[in-house]
Amino acid sequence: MERPRIVGILLMGILVWCCMATSANADTKMIYKDSNQPYNARIKDLIGRMTLEEKIGQMIQIERNVSSPEVMRKYFIGSLLSGGGSEPTPQASPKDWIDMVNEFQKGSLSSRLGIPMIYGIDAVHGHNNVYKATIFPHNIVNRIGVVTALEVRATGIHYVFAPCIAVCRDPRWGRCYESYSEDPKIVQDMTEIIPGLQGQIPSSYPKGVPFVGGMESVAACAKHYIGDGGTTKGINENNTVIDNKGLLSIHMPGYVSSIRKGVATVMISYSSLNGVKMHANYEMVTNFLKKNLRFKGFVISDWEGIDRITSPPHANYTYSIEASVNAGLDMIMLPYNYTEFIDGLTYLVKNNFVPMSRIDDAVKRILLVKFTMGLFENPLADEKFVGQLGCEAHRELAREAVRKSLVLLKNGKSADAPLLPLPKKASNILVAGSHADNLGYQCGGWTIKWMGFSGNNLTTGTTILTAIKNTVDPTTKVVYNENPDAEFVKSGGFSYAIVVVGEHPYAETKGDNLNLTIPEPGPSTITNVCGTVKCVVVVVSGRPVVIQPYVASIEALVAAWLPGSEGQGVADVLFGDFGFTGKLSFTWFKTVDQLPMHVGDPHYDPLFPLGFGLTTQPAKAQ
């Protein structure tokens, strides 16, 4: 009987060895790398392999200028960004960008688990803010999103901090030009840019789950959650005082629509809501956004947003980390002090101030977006989209958007005697104003640089002056004088004048403005020119500005907003190749003393009401 016992022991040993071998094989099969597996299975597999250090790394977004491939590998950094004006070299080419992004990505891929990073760009505000303050058809908004995605992909970047779905309730706010409207319904309609950026979400796609449809698309970001456009007196990063009904009816609809359209990420606002800093607002971030609205993408902070939970900023950074992460923020745009953040969050988790379940929730959301984007299958950018950057078809779309964004506020001393469209053939015309020949002023803030720029050297485009010269009859003499005195105008014998004035570029708090007057010499130019000759004034601004004192002397008045690089779109409509169709998506006030002022207010007495805009028909061939 001894031999069967020995054989039985041997068989049991073989069975145990086989089970161990099978278990080992199962363990080495990396489900997260299998694109045929469902996202949840891939996430579960990957997160089960991750250390706390690797998880915290995924929650970090840092500026590219403090990173390197080695930093990406060593600290498992989840995301990089380029802030306003941050680029690999001055006026970098698309290939420069792609090479830089890929170098960083290779660092991420060389880490233990090879988790790809996602690269975001702050300068995309420039794509997002050009066509504001006008009520656009859905189709063109969607097309703008598609083109923006292609141009961003042409530089190797995966992720844009757009759209800004703030509802600007006071034009004194320095970020009002980033807002589509004071009307929440218009803002809600403009979220149609999201399927343009991310791809059209399938009808059967689960609600609240992020969707990014392929290599031609980018991850979008709805921002800034919530109430950023409702602060007292429009002071940037200040306090929004509002009841629940107002919050839900004014500031929330855009987020509801964005989430339905599969937006990948949501950025938190610097501002406070009824005294509570949004970066530390558990009720609004976790309970409402994640639980009530069932948002499954990741929540990201703004630039140094968690630092500003305290006053002064960064006064108690450990508390800021704890408050923000426990509030429900998943990725932190640090963007510099990553070792301090890593040490602080590691301490908070190991000492049970931040539960591991919260860390896992954050990382699962970040990984879901990365899997949805196909980053694990296609982590490296290639050059196939390079030809899309600034191509003629995209410029034509931008030009079309400019034409449709212009709002005609006045046309002639009476309806029977319109000035516009202007005749292309005239003996002698005057073009004046600080904004007539300045691409930087046309584009505004968040263009190339954070605060924008002045002049014509940093981007390619057509100034309004050049567009006018391109459009008029060859026999028409165009005289340009930026700020002529009255005597010059009187002696010029001009048939008519075009005056182009407005705001200088700005961004964020630098744009907060309690008086909203057009800076000099704009008013002087209007007075000197329009007091002498028939004139059309084109206002280049990110918001309504004080214009009432000059309206009586102005023959025709056009709100051009920030037309960006394609100034030819302005001339297209001034000279009647196309008609004016734009309508105001902001109330144009008479005086700043009226602000804030909205439709339905007892004191609603605007210079031009929300939705106003005169129309013209295209002129017959001249």
Foldseek 3Di string as FASTA:
>chain_A
DVVVVVVVVVVVVVVVVVVVVVVVVVLPPQPLLDLVDDLVVNLVSVVVPDDPQLLVQLQEEAELVQDFLQNCQVRVHAEYEHEFLRDPDALDALVRLQVSLQRNQVSNCPHPVRDGHAYEYNLCLLLQQQQAQWQDDLVLLLQSLLLSLLQCLLSVHAEYADQELAQALAVLAQCLSSHRFVANVSSQSSLSSQCSQQNFDDPPDDFQAAARDESSHHQYEYDAPWDQNQAVNNFGLEEHEDDPVCRCRGTNSNVLSNRRRRHQEYEHGSHHYNPQGRLLALCCAPVPVCPVSVHLAAYEYPALSLQVNDVVGVPPNLVSLLRRLNSQHQHYPPHHDSVVSSVSVVVCDVVVSDDVVSSSSSSSNSSSSCSNHVCSVPVRRDNPSSCSNPDPVSLVSLLVSLLQSKFWDFAFPDPVDGCPLPALDDQEEEEEAPQQAWQQLLSAASHSGRQTDTHDPRDAFAGLNNLSCVRHDPNYHYHYDHADALVCQQPRPHQEYEYEFEDHHGHGSVSNDLFQATDPPRVNSLCSNLVHGAYEYEYAASDAGADQVRVNSHGIYMDSHRSHRYSNSVVCDSNQVAKHDIFGSYFRANGSVCPSDAPPDPPPDGPAGGGDGDMDGRDDDD
